[in-house]
Amino acid sequence: MNSRINNDSEGIDRKTSRSICDAVGERLQQSLRPDTSGLSSHLQHLLDELRRRDEVGMAN
C-alpha cells in the first residue's frame, strides 16, 4: 500500500492560514457557548467582563 500523499495542490500562506483558524475558532465559540441562563448575576458579570477583555485583546 502506498502511503505517500499527493502534494500537487498549492499551499496557503501563513496569513491565510491564521485567518481561517480565527474564523473557525469564532464559529466554534458561537456554536458551543454554554447555557448561562442559570448563573448568578455576579458570575454572569464576571463572564461578560472576561469576554470583553478577550475582545479587546484580540483587537491588539
C-alpha atoms as a PDB file:
ATOM      1  CA  MET A   1       0.000   0.000   0.000  1.00  0.00           C
ATOM      2  CA  ASN A   2       1.371   3.376  -0.986  1.00  0.00           C
ATOM      3  CA  SER A   3       1.161   5.880   1.875  1.00  0.00           C
ATOM      4  CA  ARG A   4       2.542   8.889   0.006  1.00  0.00           C
ATOM      5  CA  ILE A   5       0.374  11.986  -0.100  1.00  0.00           C
ATOM      6  CA  ASN A   6      -0.177  13.617  -3.455  1.00  0.00           C
ATOM      7  CA  ASN A   7       1.020  17.184  -2.875  1.00  0.00           C
ATOM      8  CA  ASP A   8       0.128  18.772  -6.225  1.00  0.00           C
ATOM      9  CA  SER A   9      -2.078  21.452  -4.656  1.00  0.00           C
ATOM     10  CA  GLU A  10      -0.741  24.855  -3.748  1.00  0.00           C
ATOM     11  CA  GLY A  11      -0.089  25.589  -0.094  1.00  0.00           C
ATOM     12  CA  ILE A  12      -1.582  28.541   1.726  1.00  0.00           C
ATOM     13  CA  ASP A  13       0.443  31.308   3.276  1.00  0.00           C
ATOM     14  CA  ARG A  14       0.691  31.941   6.999  1.00  0.00           C
ATOM     15  CA  LYS A  15      -1.687  34.939   6.951  1.00  0.00           C
ATOM     16  CA  THR A  16      -4.416  32.987   5.144  1.00  0.00           C
ATOM     17  CA  SER A  17      -3.964  30.022   7.475  1.00  0.00           C
ATOM     18  CA  ARG A  18      -4.287  32.293  10.512  1.00  0.00           C
ATOM     19  CA  SER A  19      -7.438  33.909   9.116  1.00  0.00           C
ATOM     20  CA  ILE A  20      -9.019  30.508   8.559  1.00  0.00           C
ATOM     21  CA  CYS A  21      -8.119  29.356  12.072  1.00  0.00           C
ATOM     22  CA  ASP A  22      -9.540  32.539  13.595  1.00  0.00           C
ATOM     23  CA  ALA A  23     -12.781  32.200  11.649  1.00  0.00           C
ATOM     24  CA  VAL A  24     -13.193  28.546  12.643  1.00  0.00           C
ATOM     25  CA  GLY A  25     -12.454  29.433  16.273  1.00  0.00           C
ATOM     26  CA  GLU A  26     -15.056  32.201  16.287  1.00  0.00           C
ATOM     27  CA  ARG A  27     -17.658  29.899  14.740  1.00  0.00           C
ATOM     28  CA  LEU A  28     -16.927  27.214  17.348  1.00  0.00           C
ATOM     29  CA  GLN A  29     -17.205  29.719  20.175  1.00  0.00           C
ATOM     30  CA  GLN A  30     -20.616  30.799  18.909  1.00  0.00           C
ATOM     31  CA  SER A  31     -21.823  27.233  18.409  1.00  0.00           C
ATOM     32  CA  LEU A  32     -20.524  25.883  21.702  1.00  0.00           C
ATOM     33  CA  ARG A  33     -21.489  28.697  24.042  1.00  0.00           C
ATOM     34  CA  PRO A  34     -22.615  27.329  27.381  1.00  0.00           C
ATOM     35  CA  ASP A  35     -26.111  27.991  28.633  1.00  0.00           C
ATOM     36  CA  THR A  36     -25.569  30.795  31.137  1.00  0.00           C
ATOM     37  CA  SER A  37     -29.209  31.422  31.999  1.00  0.00           C
ATOM     38  CA  GLY A  38     -28.870  29.748  35.412  1.00  0.00           C
ATOM     39  CA  LEU A  39     -25.851  31.746  36.591  1.00  0.00           C
ATOM     40  CA  SER A  40     -25.898  34.230  39.426  1.00  0.00           C
ATOM     41  CA  SER A  41     -25.770  37.871  38.373  1.00  0.00           C
ATOM     42  CA  HIS A  42     -22.247  38.207  39.821  1.00  0.00           C
ATOM     43  CA  LEU A  43     -20.922  35.224  37.864  1.00  0.00           C
ATOM     44  CA  GLN A  44     -22.671  36.466  34.710  1.00  0.00           C
ATOM     45  CA  HIS A  45     -20.991  39.844  35.197  1.00  0.00           C
ATOM     46  CA  LEU A  46     -17.583  38.168  35.531  1.00  0.00           C
ATOM     47  CA  LEU A  47     -18.126  36.155  32.348  1.00  0.00           C
ATOM     48  CA  ASP A  48     -19.187  39.283  30.473  1.00  0.00           C
ATOM     49  CA  GLU A  49     -16.053  41.069  31.666  1.00  0.00           C
ATOM     50  CA  LEU A  50     -13.880  38.139  30.565  1.00  0.00           C
ATOM     51  CA  ARG A  51     -15.467  38.200  27.091  1.00  0.00           C
ATOM     52  CA  ARG A  52     -14.937  41.962  26.875  1.00  0.00           C
ATOM     53  CA  ARG A  53     -11.255  41.596  27.774  1.00  0.00           C
ATOM     54  CA  ASP A  54     -10.848  38.790  25.227  1.00  0.00           C
ATOM     55  CA  GLU A  55     -12.313  41.027  22.515  1.00  0.00           C
ATOM     56  CA  VAL A  56     -10.023  43.916  23.476  1.00  0.00           C
ATOM     57  CA  GLY A  57      -7.036  41.559  23.487  1.00  0.00           C
ATOM     58  CA  MET A  58      -7.895  40.201  20.034  1.00  0.00           C
ATOM     59  CA  ALA A  59      -8.094  43.732  18.618  1.00  0.00           C
ATOM     60  CA  ASN A  60      -4.492  44.480  19.641  1.00  0.00           C
END
